[in-house]
Amino acid sequence: MGGKSEYCPKERNILKQLYDSTKGQEWTYADNWMNEYDNHCLWHGIACKDNNVISIKLGNDGLSGRISDSIGNLASLRWLDLSDNGLGGTLPSTIGKLINLTHLRLSHNSLIGTIPYEMNELRQLGLVHLHSNRFEGSVPTLNHDWHNASSFITDCGLPTQFDDPLECLDCTMCCNIHADCHVTEPETIIFQLTGYQSYLHFTWVFFLILVGLVSLIYITSMLYDRKKKRIGLRESTVRLEVDKDKHYALETIGADSVYSFFLTTSVTGWMIALAVTALQLCTLMIFVQAAQKKFDDDNSDFIYSWKCPRNNTECSDEADQVSDI
């Protein structure tokens, strides 16, 4: 039994299953693969340490078919790169067993279905590229402090080929169906977690709160004035304080400001001031709507400016390149 294990180690059989399931006979490069006289650590794209497979790099190598479930039995695997191929089917849940994995690149394939929940067991991950596939549903939260914008990328952008876009609160970058990407921002996640649907939603809530506070101050002021009259202050004294308050308010607002009409008893003046306030509010809403990262909305000024090359782990902002020119 010991001799058989020496000449046909377990990891060699696992790699053979990967070779068969991804149609190894059609690979672009398959040097030494399945050669019975060569150690599996000498096969193309394979790297080992102490005869254990720690790296599989077969990007852009003509792989097709499906990823074998046995991939999860490579306990020492740290780097798995099967990007830029023609792989289909679902991502096996056994990938959650690769607890030493630090780099996972499966981008630019035709993988479908949901991303397995078991991936949240991969605590060592520093780079995850799953974009340019056809995943749907929700991406498990991996709870990592990602190093840069290119660390965790999925197809969570818009437009998407599905009715509901892929949900990924943990992603550092989202790409759309056209392979255009944008960097996600922490404040966007905070808005989602606090129940706000967008900046426009937050602005309306903030405005209503502001109106409520102003109304409360106005009512409190009226009640305070009435109280002063009830306690016997002379009319002249009350009027003097009111005039003093109005003078202070006018200095604060500015005599040339349209808001000074709020200090008068003129109906026309109040109408002008309210009309200007409403116009300014509408203008503010236009800017807020344009500032939202709704990439499927023509009213939004944001565009996807990032590109993630097939042959590079780092994405680049094309907007910066244009500005440099």
C-alpha atoms as a PDB file:
ATOM      1  CA  MET A   1       0.000   0.000   0.000  1.00  0.00           C
ATOM      2  CA  GLY A   2       2.837   2.381   0.859  1.00  0.00           C
ATOM      3  CA  GLY A   3       4.514   1.799  -2.523  1.00  0.00           C
ATOM      4  CA  LYS A   4       1.268   2.411  -4.391  1.00  0.00           C
ATOM      5  CA  SER A   5       0.748   5.676  -2.540  1.00  0.00           C
ATOM      6  CA  GLU A   6       4.295   6.735  -3.370  1.00  0.00           C
ATOM      7  CA  TYR A   7       3.940   6.152  -7.113  1.00  0.00           C
ATOM      8  CA  CYS A   8       0.340   7.340  -7.357  1.00  0.00           C
ATOM      9  CA  PRO A   9      -0.136   9.959  -4.641  1.00  0.00           C
ATOM     10  CA  LYS A  10      -3.584  11.229  -3.770  1.00  0.00           C
ATOM     11  CA  GLU A  11      -2.973  14.733  -5.127  1.00  0.00           C
ATOM     12  CA  ARG A  12      -1.919  13.316  -8.489  1.00  0.00           C
ATOM     13  CA  ASN A  13      -5.305  11.606  -8.744  1.00  0.00           C
ATOM     14  CA  ILE A  14      -7.080  14.858  -7.792  1.00  0.00           C
ATOM     15  CA  LEU A  15      -5.225  16.728 -10.556  1.00  0.00           C
ATOM     16  CA  LYS A  16      -6.125  13.962 -12.993  1.00  0.00           C
ATOM     17  CA  GLN A  17      -9.806  14.455 -12.141  1.00  0.00           C
ATOM     18  CA  LEU A  18      -9.384  18.196 -12.739  1.00  0.00           C
ATOM     19  CA  TYR A  19      -7.683  17.431 -16.051  1.00  0.00           C
ATOM     20  CA  ASP A  20     -10.482  15.117 -17.160  1.00  0.00           C
ATOM     21  CA  SER A  21     -13.352  17.363 -16.012  1.00  0.00           C
ATOM     22  CA  THR A  22     -11.890  20.403 -17.809  1.00  0.00           C
ATOM     23  CA  LYS A  23     -11.155  18.484 -21.048  1.00  0.00           C
ATOM     24  CA  GLY A  24      -7.395  18.463 -20.648  1.00  0.00           C
ATOM     25  CA  GLN A  25      -6.886  16.926 -24.103  1.00  0.00           C
ATOM     26  CA  GLU A  26      -8.025  20.280 -25.552  1.00  0.00           C
ATOM     27  CA  TRP A  27      -5.863  22.550 -23.389  1.00  0.00           C
ATOM     28  CA  THR A  28      -3.534  24.990 -25.108  1.00  0.00           C
ATOM     29  CA  TYR A  29      -0.656  23.974 -22.842  1.00  0.00           C
ATOM     30  CA  ALA A  30      -0.576  20.653 -21.001  1.00  0.00           C
ATOM     31  CA  ASP A  31       3.143  19.979 -20.770  1.00  0.00           C
ATOM     32  CA  ASN A  32       3.924  16.808 -18.806  1.00  0.00           C
ATOM     33  CA  TRP A  33       0.310  16.347 -17.705  1.00  0.00           C
ATOM     34  CA  MET A  34      -0.606  12.702 -17.307  1.00  0.00           C
ATOM     35  CA  ASN A  35       2.924  11.587 -18.120  1.00  0.00           C
ATOM     36  CA  GLU A  36       3.306   8.517 -15.936  1.00  0.00           C
ATOM     37  CA  TYR A  37       7.038   9.064 -15.532  1.00  0.00           C
ATOM     38  CA  ASP A  38       6.843  12.698 -14.385  1.00  0.00           C
ATOM     39  CA  ASN A  39       6.050  13.851 -10.876  1.00  0.00           C
ATOM     40  CA  HIS A  40       2.798  15.853 -10.807  1.00  0.00           C
ATOM     41  CA  CYS A  41       4.719  18.806  -9.361  1.00  0.00           C
ATOM     42  CA  LEU A  42       6.437  19.114 -12.766  1.00  0.00           C
ATOM     43  CA  TRP A  43       3.192  19.463 -14.696  1.00  0.00           C
ATOM     44  CA  HIS A  44       2.474  22.740 -16.455  1.00  0.00           C
ATOM     45  CA  GLY A  45       0.915  25.344 -14.125  1.00  0.00           C
ATOM     46  CA  ILE A  46       1.515  23.309 -10.957  1.00  0.00           C
ATOM     47  CA  ALA A  47       3.764  24.363  -8.081  1.00  0.00           C
ATOM     48  CA  CYS A  48       4.458  22.283  -4.980  1.00  0.00           C
ATOM     49  CA  LYS A  49       6.065  22.540  -1.591  1.00  0.00           C
ATOM     50  CA  ASP A  50       7.169  19.362   0.156  1.00  0.00           C
ATOM     51  CA  ASN A  51       5.427  17.500  -2.672  1.00  0.00           C
ATOM     52  CA  ASN A  52       2.078  19.138  -1.819  1.00  0.00           C
ATOM     53  CA  VAL A  53       0.304  21.233  -4.438  1.00  0.00           C
ATOM     54  CA  ILE A  54       0.262  24.893  -3.363  1.00  0.00           C
ATOM     55  CA  SER A  55      -0.487  26.580  -6.679  1.00  0.00           C
ATOM     56  CA  ILE A  56      -2.545  25.910  -9.816  1.00  0.00           C
ATOM     57  CA  LYS A  57      -2.134  28.554 -12.511  1.00  0.00           C
ATOM     58  CA  LEU A  58      -3.945  27.593 -15.699  1.00  0.00           C
ATOM     59  CA  GLY A  59      -5.287  30.958 -16.796  1.00  0.00           C
ATOM     60  CA  ASN A  60      -5.971  31.394 -20.532  1.00  0.00           C
ATOM     61  CA  ASP A  61      -5.162  27.764 -21.248  1.00  0.00           C
ATOM     62  CA  GLY A  62      -8.238  26.593 -23.128  1.00  0.00           C
ATOM     63  CA  LEU A  63      -9.949  24.849 -20.211  1.00  0.00           C
ATOM     64  CA  SER A  64     -13.616  23.981 -20.681  1.00  0.00           C
ATOM     65  CA  GLY A  65     -16.079  21.607 -19.065  1.00  0.00           C
ATOM     66  CA  ARG A  66     -16.548  21.888 -15.291  1.00  0.00           C
ATOM     67  CA  ILE A  67     -14.441  22.287 -12.171  1.00  0.00           C
ATOM     68  CA  SER A  68     -14.160  18.940 -10.420  1.00  0.00           C
ATOM     69  CA  ASP A  69     -15.565  18.623  -6.884  1.00  0.00           C
ATOM     70  CA  SER A  70     -12.302  16.972  -5.882  1.00  0.00           C
ATOM     71  CA  ILE A  71     -10.531  20.343  -6.074  1.00  0.00           C
ATOM     72  CA  GLY A  72     -11.466  20.836  -2.420  1.00  0.00           C
ATOM     73  CA  ASN A  73      -9.191  17.967  -1.391  1.00  0.00           C
ATOM     74  CA  LEU A  74      -6.005  19.892  -2.212  1.00  0.00           C
ATOM     75  CA  ALA A  75      -5.542  20.886   1.415  1.00  0.00           C
ATOM     76  CA  SER A  76      -2.309  22.876   0.900  1.00  0.00           C
ATOM     77  CA  LEU A  77      -3.529  24.877  -2.103  1.00  0.00           C
ATOM     78  CA  ARG A  78      -2.854  28.621  -1.782  1.00  0.00           C
ATOM     79  CA  TRP A  79      -3.284  29.934  -5.306  1.00  0.00           C
ATOM     80  CA  LEU A  80      -5.986  28.844  -7.750  1.00  0.00           C
ATOM     81  CA  ASP A  81      -6.121  30.617 -11.111  1.00  0.00           C
ATOM     82  CA  LEU A  82      -8.438  29.178 -13.750  1.00  0.00           C
ATOM     83  CA  SER A  83      -9.361  32.565 -15.218  1.00  0.00           C
ATOM     84  CA  ASP A  84      -9.940  33.447 -18.858  1.00  0.00           C
ATOM     85  CA  ASN A  85     -11.096  30.012 -19.979  1.00  0.00           C
ATOM     86  CA  GLY A  86     -14.373  28.426 -21.071  1.00  0.00           C
ATOM     87  CA  LEU A  87     -15.384  26.747 -17.819  1.00  0.00           C
ATOM     88  CA  GLY A  88     -19.090  26.233 -17.240  1.00  0.00           C
ATOM     89  CA  GLY A  89     -21.360  24.664 -14.654  1.00  0.00           C
ATOM     90  CA  THR A  90     -21.513  25.704 -11.015  1.00  0.00           C
ATOM     91  CA  LEU A  91     -18.734  26.473  -8.586  1.00  0.00           C
ATOM     92  CA  PRO A  92     -18.415  23.386  -6.342  1.00  0.00           C
ATOM     93  CA  SER A  93     -19.143  23.926  -2.658  1.00  0.00           C
ATOM     94  CA  THR A  94     -16.040  21.880  -1.821  1.00  0.00           C
ATOM     95  CA  ILE A  95     -14.005  24.999  -2.577  1.00  0.00           C
ATOM     96  CA  GLY A  96     -14.843  26.001   0.988  1.00  0.00           C
ATOM     97  CA  LYS A  97     -12.451  23.283   2.174  1.00  0.00           C
ATOM     98  CA  LEU A  98      -9.419  25.124   0.770  1.00  0.00           C
ATOM     99  CA  ILE A  99      -8.758  26.943   4.040  1.00  0.00           C
ATOM    100  CA  ASN A 100      -5.184  27.896   3.037  1.00  0.00           C
ATOM    101  CA  LEU A 101      -6.286  29.608  -0.170  1.00  0.00           C
ATOM    102  CA  THR A 102      -5.030  33.202  -0.538  1.00  0.00           C
ATOM    103  CA  HIS A 103      -5.712  33.868  -4.234  1.00  0.00           C
ATOM    104  CA  LEU A 104      -8.778  32.767  -6.184  1.00  0.00           C
ATOM    105  CA  ARG A 105      -9.189  33.811  -9.818  1.00  0.00           C
ATOM    106  CA  LEU A 106     -12.108  32.339 -11.760  1.00  0.00           C
ATOM    107  CA  SER A 107     -12.948  35.452 -13.773  1.00  0.00           C
ATOM    108  CA  HIS A 108     -13.808  35.468 -17.486  1.00  0.00           C
ATOM    109  CA  ASN A 109     -15.476  32.068 -17.655  1.00  0.00           C
ATOM    110  CA  SER A 110     -19.088  30.925 -18.026  1.00  0.00           C
ATOM    111  CA  LEU A 111     -19.761  29.742 -14.484  1.00  0.00           C
ATOM    112  CA  ILE A 112     -23.421  29.832 -13.455  1.00  0.00           C
ATOM    113  CA  GLY A 113     -25.603  29.454 -10.382  1.00  0.00           C
ATOM    114  CA  THR A 114     -24.952  30.855  -6.935  1.00  0.00           C
ATOM    115  CA  ILE A 115     -21.611  31.328  -5.236  1.00  0.00           C
ATOM    116  CA  PRO A 116     -21.464  28.659  -2.502  1.00  0.00           C
ATOM    117  CA  TYR A 117     -21.947  29.835   1.060  1.00  0.00           C
ATOM    118  CA  GLU A 118     -19.063  27.586   2.118  1.00  0.00           C
ATOM    119  CA  MET A 119     -16.658  30.200   0.740  1.00  0.00           C
ATOM    120  CA  ASN A 120     -17.003  32.171   3.960  1.00  0.00           C
ATOM    121  CA  GLU A 121     -14.736  29.544   5.521  1.00  0.00           C
ATOM    122  CA  LEU A 122     -11.808  30.834   3.461  1.00  0.00           C
ATOM    123  CA  ARG A 123     -10.272  33.182   6.024  1.00  0.00           C
ATOM    124  CA  GLN A 124      -6.899  33.611   4.293  1.00  0.00           C
ATOM    125  CA  LEU A 125      -8.184  35.059   1.039  1.00  0.00           C
ATOM    126  CA  GLY A 126      -6.480  38.242  -0.086  1.00  0.00           C
ATOM    127  CA  LEU A 127      -7.712  38.281  -3.682  1.00  0.00           C
ATOM    128  CA  VAL A 128     -10.994  37.021  -5.175  1.00  0.00           C
ATOM    129  CA  HIS A 129     -11.869  37.582  -8.839  1.00  0.00           C
ATOM    130  CA  LEU A 130     -15.232  36.118  -9.867  1.00  0.00           C
ATOM    131  CA  HIS A 131     -16.334  38.691 -12.446  1.00  0.00           C
ATOM    132  CA  SER A 132     -17.293  38.069 -16.068  1.00  0.00           C
ATOM    133  CA  ASN A 133     -19.282  34.952 -15.214  1.00  0.00           C
ATOM    134  CA  ARG A 134     -23.006  34.396 -14.822  1.00  0.00           C
ATOM    135  CA  PHE A 135     -23.355  34.088 -11.080  1.00  0.00           C
ATOM    136  CA  GLU A 136     -26.602  35.191  -9.445  1.00  0.00           C
ATOM    137  CA  GLY A 137     -28.066  35.539  -5.966  1.00  0.00           C
ATOM    138  CA  SER A 138     -25.987  36.801  -3.046  1.00  0.00           C
ATOM    139  CA  VAL A 139     -22.259  36.594  -2.488  1.00  0.00           C
ATOM    140  CA  PRO A 140     -21.238  35.338   0.975  1.00  0.00           C
ATOM    141  CA  THR A 141     -19.652  37.957   3.219  1.00  0.00           C
ATOM    142  CA  LEU A 142     -16.013  37.024   3.585  1.00  0.00           C
ATOM    143  CA  ASN A 143     -15.236  39.482   6.400  1.00  0.00           C
ATOM    144  CA  HIS A 144     -11.838  40.610   5.195  1.00  0.00           C
ATOM    145  CA  ASP A 145      -9.915  43.847   5.272  1.00  0.00           C
ATOM    146  CA  TRP A 146      -9.143  43.968   1.590  1.00  0.00           C
ATOM    147  CA  HIS A 147      -5.851  45.563   0.551  1.00  0.00           C
ATOM    148  CA  ASN A 148      -7.016  47.542  -2.493  1.00  0.00           C
ATOM    149  CA  ALA A 149      -9.841  48.130  -4.951  1.00  0.00           C
ATOM    150  CA  SER A 150      -8.898  45.074  -7.031  1.00  0.00           C
ATOM    151  CA  SER A 151      -9.107  42.595  -4.149  1.00  0.00           C
ATOM    152  CA  PHE A 152     -12.705  41.326  -4.393  1.00  0.00           C
ATOM    153  CA  ILE A 153     -14.524  41.647  -7.720  1.00  0.00           C
ATOM    154  CA  THR A 154     -17.851  40.195  -8.854  1.00  0.00           C
ATOM    155  CA  ASP A 155     -20.596  41.022 -11.372  1.00  0.00           C
ATOM    156  CA  CYS A 156     -22.612  43.116  -8.927  1.00  0.00           C
ATOM    157  CA  GLY A 157     -22.882  46.100 -11.269  1.00  0.00           C
ATOM    158  CA  LEU A 158     -25.630  47.325 -13.599  1.00  0.00           C
ATOM    159  CA  PRO A 159     -26.844  46.567 -16.173  1.00  0.00           C
ATOM    160  CA  THR A 160     -26.946  42.824 -15.613  1.00  0.00           C
ATOM    161  CA  GLN A 161     -28.367  39.943 -17.625  1.00  0.00           C
ATOM    162  CA  PHE A 162     -30.574  38.974 -14.673  1.00  0.00           C
ATOM    163  CA  ASP A 163     -33.725  40.610 -13.316  1.00  0.00           C
ATOM    164  CA  ASP A 164     -31.993  41.033  -9.957  1.00  0.00           C
ATOM    165  CA  PRO A 165     -28.295  41.993  -9.870  1.00  0.00           C
ATOM    166  CA  LEU A 166     -25.797  39.957  -7.918  1.00  0.00           C
ATOM    167  CA  GLU A 167     -25.689  41.209  -4.316  1.00  0.00           C
ATOM    168  CA  CYS A 168     -22.279  41.692  -2.756  1.00  0.00           C
ATOM    169  CA  LEU A 169     -21.891  44.000   0.263  1.00  0.00           C
ATOM    170  CA  ASP A 170     -18.284  42.917   0.776  1.00  0.00           C
ATOM    171  CA  CYS A 171     -17.007  43.486  -2.765  1.00  0.00           C
ATOM    172  CA  THR A 172     -14.397  46.143  -3.438  1.00  0.00           C
ATOM    173  CA  MET A 173     -15.408  46.445  -7.086  1.00  0.00           C
ATOM    174  CA  CYS A 174     -18.524  45.677  -9.129  1.00  0.00           C
ATOM    175  CA  CYS A 175     -18.591  44.950 -12.864  1.00  0.00           C
ATOM    176  CA  ASN A 176     -21.527  44.958 -15.272  1.00  0.00           C
ATOM    177  CA  ILE A 177     -22.483  42.817 -18.243  1.00  0.00           C
ATOM    178  CA  HIS A 178     -20.144  44.843 -20.476  1.00  0.00           C
ATOM    179  CA  ALA A 179     -17.125  44.095 -18.228  1.00  0.00           C
ATOM    180  CA  ASP A 180     -16.994  47.737 -17.127  1.00  0.00           C
ATOM    181  CA  CYS A 181     -16.359  48.164 -13.416  1.00  0.00           C
ATOM    182  CA  HIS A 182     -16.584  50.692 -10.597  1.00  0.00           C
ATOM    183  CA  VAL A 183     -15.146  50.839  -7.098  1.00  0.00           C
ATOM    184  CA  THR A 184     -17.624  50.367  -4.265  1.00  0.00           C
ATOM    185  CA  GLU A 185     -17.518  52.831  -1.393  1.00  0.00           C
ATOM    186  CA  PRO A 186     -18.007  52.266   2.361  1.00  0.00           C
ATOM    187  CA  GLU A 187     -20.668  54.980   2.645  1.00  0.00           C
ATOM    188  CA  THR A 188     -22.819  53.160   0.107  1.00  0.00           C
ATOM    189  CA  ILE A 189     -22.769  50.059   2.307  1.00  0.00           C
ATOM    190  CA  ILE A 190     -23.560  52.159   5.392  1.00  0.00           C
ATOM    191  CA  PHE A 191     -26.631  53.584   3.643  1.00  0.00           C
ATOM    192  CA  GLN A 192     -27.804  50.069   2.764  1.00  0.00           C
ATOM    193  CA  LEU A 193     -27.290  48.775   6.303  1.00  0.00           C
ATOM    194  CA  THR A 194     -29.178  51.723   7.843  1.00  0.00           C
ATOM    195  CA  GLY A 195     -32.180  51.209   5.577  1.00  0.00           C
ATOM    196  CA  TYR A 196     -31.707  54.084   3.123  1.00  0.00           C
ATOM    197  CA  GLN A 197     -32.218  53.074  -0.478  1.00  0.00           C
ATOM    198  CA  SER A 198     -30.133  55.919  -1.931  1.00  0.00           C
ATOM    199  CA  TYR A 199     -28.701  59.377  -1.317  1.00  0.00           C
ATOM    200  CA  LEU A 200     -31.952  60.828  -2.686  1.00  0.00           C
ATOM    201  CA  HIS A 201     -33.928  58.863  -0.104  1.00  0.00           C
ATOM    202  CA  PHE A 202     -31.590  60.076   2.647  1.00  0.00           C
ATOM    203  CA  THR A 203     -31.913  63.700   1.433  1.00  0.00           C
ATOM    204  CA  TRP A 204     -35.715  63.580   1.624  1.00  0.00           C
ATOM    205  CA  VAL A 205     -35.582  62.141   5.133  1.00  0.00           C
ATOM    206  CA  PHE A 206     -33.052  64.788   6.192  1.00  0.00           C
ATOM    207  CA  PHE A 207     -35.214  67.572   4.684  1.00  0.00           C
ATOM    208  CA  LEU A 208     -38.341  66.349   6.480  1.00  0.00           C
ATOM    209  CA  ILE A 209     -36.418  66.211   9.760  1.00  0.00           C
ATOM    210  CA  LEU A 210     -35.145  69.755   9.143  1.00  0.00           C
ATOM    211  CA  VAL A 211     -38.674  71.018   8.432  1.00  0.00           C
ATOM    212  CA  GLY A 212     -39.870  69.334  11.615  1.00  0.00           C
ATOM    213  CA  LEU A 213     -37.123  70.973  13.687  1.00  0.00           C
ATOM    214  CA  VAL A 214     -37.859  74.416  12.224  1.00  0.00           C
ATOM    215  CA  SER A 215     -41.566  73.961  12.909  1.00  0.00           C
ATOM    216  CA  LEU A 216     -40.786  72.885  16.484  1.00  0.00           C
ATOM    217  CA  ILE A 217     -38.616  75.961  17.043  1.00  0.00           C
ATOM    218  CA  TYR A 218     -41.329  78.215  15.585  1.00  0.00           C
ATOM    219  CA  ILE A 219     -44.038  76.723  17.830  1.00  0.00           C
ATOM    220  CA  THR A 220     -41.755  76.906  20.864  1.00  0.00           C
ATOM    221  CA  SER A 221     -41.044  80.551  20.113  1.00  0.00           C
ATOM    222  CA  MET A 222     -44.744  81.376  19.850  1.00  0.00           C
ATOM    223  CA  LEU A 223     -45.517  79.628  23.121  1.00  0.00           C
ATOM    224  CA  TYR A 224     -42.640  81.448  24.808  1.00  0.00           C
ATOM    225  CA  ASP A 225     -43.959  84.825  23.616  1.00  0.00           C
ATOM    226  CA  ARG A 226     -47.433  84.027  24.919  1.00  0.00           C
ATOM    227  CA  LYS A 227     -45.991  82.948  28.247  1.00  0.00           C
ATOM    228  CA  LYS A 228     -44.150  86.237  28.600  1.00  0.00           C
ATOM    229  CA  LYS A 229     -47.417  88.102  28.023  1.00  0.00           C
ATOM    230  CA  ARG A 230     -49.217  85.969  30.584  1.00  0.00           C
ATOM    231  CA  ILE A 231     -46.675  86.636  33.298  1.00  0.00           C
ATOM    232  CA  GLY A 232     -47.349  90.332  33.009  1.00  0.00           C
ATOM    233  CA  LEU A 233     -44.560  91.746  30.877  1.00  0.00           C
ATOM    234  CA  ARG A 234     -45.543  95.066  29.379  1.00  0.00           C
ATOM    235  CA  GLU A 235     -46.470  95.155  25.704  1.00  0.00           C
ATOM    236  CA  SER A 236     -43.718  97.663  25.039  1.00  0.00           C
ATOM    237  CA  THR A 237     -41.118  95.376  26.608  1.00  0.00           C
ATOM    238  CA  VAL A 238     -42.295  92.371  24.559  1.00  0.00           C
ATOM    239  CA  ARG A 239     -42.344  94.428  21.374  1.00  0.00           C
ATOM    240  CA  LEU A 240     -38.841  95.730  22.103  1.00  0.00           C
ATOM    241  CA  GLU A 241     -37.529  92.162  22.454  1.00  0.00           C
ATOM    242  CA  VAL A 242     -39.296  91.115  19.252  1.00  0.00           C
ATOM    243  CA  ASP A 243     -37.819  94.025  17.333  1.00  0.00           C
ATOM    244  CA  LYS A 244     -34.389  93.200  18.753  1.00  0.00           C
ATOM    245  CA  ASP A 245     -34.735  89.565  17.637  1.00  0.00           C
ATOM    246  CA  LYS A 246     -35.852  90.614  14.158  1.00  0.00           C
ATOM    247  CA  HIS A 247     -32.913  93.002  13.838  1.00  0.00           C
ATOM    248  CA  TYR A 248     -30.506  90.234  14.866  1.00  0.00           C
ATOM    249  CA  ALA A 249     -32.117  87.786  12.424  1.00  0.00           C
ATOM    250  CA  LEU A 250     -31.932  90.357   9.608  1.00  0.00           C
ATOM    251  CA  GLU A 251     -28.229  90.920  10.247  1.00  0.00           C
ATOM    252  CA  THR A 252     -27.637  87.177  10.285  1.00  0.00           C
ATOM    253  CA  ILE A 253     -29.628  86.458   7.111  1.00  0.00           C
ATOM    254  CA  GLY A 254     -28.626  89.598   5.249  1.00  0.00           C
ATOM    255  CA  ALA A 255     -30.859  92.471   4.211  1.00  0.00           C
ATOM    256  CA  ASP A 256     -30.374  91.625   0.525  1.00  0.00           C
ATOM    257  CA  SER A 257     -31.313  87.956   0.954  1.00  0.00           C
ATOM    258  CA  VAL A 258     -34.658  86.751  -0.312  1.00  0.00           C
ATOM    259  CA  TYR A 259     -35.045  84.914   3.006  1.00  0.00           C
ATOM    260  CA  SER A 260     -35.444  88.293   4.746  1.00  0.00           C
ATOM    261  CA  PHE A 261     -39.045  88.244   3.461  1.00  0.00           C
ATOM    262  CA  PHE A 262     -39.752  85.591   6.097  1.00  0.00           C
ATOM    263  CA  LEU A 263     -39.300  88.330   8.720  1.00  0.00           C
ATOM    264  CA  THR A 264     -42.099  90.455   7.283  1.00  0.00           C
ATOM    265  CA  THR A 265     -45.887  90.180   7.452  1.00  0.00           C
ATOM    266  CA  SER A 266     -46.209  90.661   3.695  1.00  0.00           C
ATOM    267  CA  VAL A 267     -48.026  87.788   1.985  1.00  0.00           C
ATOM    268  CA  THR A 268     -46.322  88.605  -1.310  1.00  0.00           C
ATOM    269  CA  GLY A 269     -42.916  88.558   0.354  1.00  0.00           C
ATOM    270  CA  TRP A 270     -43.595  85.172   1.925  1.00  0.00           C
ATOM    271  CA  MET A 271     -44.741  83.768  -1.432  1.00  0.00           C
ATOM    272  CA  ILE A 272     -41.543  84.991  -3.115  1.00  0.00           C
ATOM    273  CA  ALA A 273     -39.363  83.509  -0.371  1.00  0.00           C
ATOM    274  CA  LEU A 274     -41.218  80.160  -0.461  1.00  0.00           C
ATOM    275  CA  ALA A 275     -41.030  80.026  -4.267  1.00  0.00           C
ATOM    276  CA  VAL A 276     -37.262  80.594  -4.200  1.00  0.00           C
ATOM    277  CA  THR A 277     -36.835  77.979  -1.460  1.00  0.00           C
ATOM    278  CA  ALA A 278     -38.844  75.429  -3.468  1.00  0.00           C
ATOM    279  CA  LEU A 279     -36.791  76.183  -6.600  1.00  0.00           C
ATOM    280  CA  GLN A 280     -33.535  75.733  -4.699  1.00  0.00           C
ATOM    281  CA  LEU A 281     -34.778  72.468  -3.225  1.00  0.00           C
ATOM    282  CA  CYS A 282     -35.667  71.141  -6.691  1.00  0.00           C
ATOM    283  CA  THR A 283     -32.207  72.130  -7.938  1.00  0.00           C
ATOM    284  CA  LEU A 284     -30.620  70.363  -4.967  1.00  0.00           C
ATOM    285  CA  MET A 285     -32.576  67.190  -5.741  1.00  0.00           C
ATOM    286  CA  ILE A 286     -31.330  67.256  -9.329  1.00  0.00           C
ATOM    287  CA  PHE A 287     -27.723  67.358  -8.102  1.00  0.00           C
ATOM    288  CA  VAL A 288     -28.362  64.639  -5.515  1.00  0.00           C
ATOM    289  CA  GLN A 289     -29.964  62.393  -8.128  1.00  0.00           C
ATOM    290  CA  ALA A 290     -27.042  62.956 -10.496  1.00  0.00           C
ATOM    291  CA  ALA A 291     -24.593  62.143  -7.698  1.00  0.00           C
ATOM    292  CA  GLN A 292     -26.119  58.726  -7.040  1.00  0.00           C
ATOM    293  CA  LYS A 293     -24.272  55.669  -8.257  1.00  0.00           C
ATOM    294  CA  LYS A 294     -27.178  54.343 -10.270  1.00  0.00           C
ATOM    295  CA  PHE A 295     -25.398  53.239 -13.388  1.00  0.00           C
ATOM    296  CA  ASP A 296     -28.611  52.106 -15.090  1.00  0.00           C
ATOM    297  CA  ASP A 297     -30.108  55.598 -14.723  1.00  0.00           C
ATOM    298  CA  ASP A 298     -29.461  58.103 -17.501  1.00  0.00           C
ATOM    299  CA  ASN A 299     -29.854  60.939 -14.971  1.00  0.00           C
ATOM    300  CA  SER A 300     -26.788  59.799 -13.051  1.00  0.00           C
ATOM    301  CA  ASP A 301     -23.457  61.463 -13.882  1.00  0.00           C
ATOM    302  CA  PHE A 302     -21.427  58.482 -12.685  1.00  0.00           C
ATOM    303  CA  ILE A 303     -19.949  56.126 -15.244  1.00  0.00           C
ATOM    304  CA  TYR A 304     -18.033  52.874 -15.086  1.00  0.00           C
ATOM    305  CA  SER A 305     -14.431  53.952 -15.574  1.00  0.00           C
ATOM    306  CA  TRP A 306     -12.518  50.886 -14.347  1.00  0.00           C
ATOM    307  CA  LYS A 307     -11.247  48.000 -16.459  1.00  0.00           C
ATOM    308  CA  CYS A 308      -9.947  44.690 -15.149  1.00  0.00           C
ATOM    309  CA  PRO A 309      -7.623  43.070 -17.727  1.00  0.00           C
ATOM    310  CA  ARG A 310      -7.801  39.330 -18.213  1.00  0.00           C
ATOM    311  CA  ASN A 311      -4.062  38.903 -17.776  1.00  0.00           C
ATOM    312  CA  ASN A 312      -3.587  41.127 -14.722  1.00  0.00           C
ATOM    313  CA  THR A 313      -4.676  40.965 -11.100  1.00  0.00           C
ATOM    314  CA  GLU A 314      -4.851  44.774 -10.851  1.00  0.00           C
ATOM    315  CA  CYS A 315      -7.625  46.896 -12.345  1.00  0.00           C
ATOM    316  CA  SER A 316      -7.061  50.404 -13.690  1.00  0.00           C
ATOM    317  CA  ASP A 317      -9.133  53.581 -13.766  1.00  0.00           C
ATOM    318  CA  GLU A 318      -9.376  54.748 -17.367  1.00  0.00           C
ATOM    319  CA  ALA A 319     -10.700  58.117 -16.201  1.00  0.00           C
ATOM    320  CA  ASP A 320      -7.295  58.814 -14.614  1.00  0.00           C
ATOM    321  CA  GLN A 321      -5.550  57.847 -17.838  1.00  0.00           C
ATOM    322  CA  VAL A 322      -7.718  60.246 -19.853  1.00  0.00           C
ATOM    323  CA  SER A 323      -7.062  63.078 -17.393  1.00  0.00           C
ATOM    324  CA  ASP A 324      -3.307  62.462 -17.630  1.00  0.00           C
ATOM    325  CA  ILE A 325      -3.499  62.928 -21.378  1.00  0.00           C
END
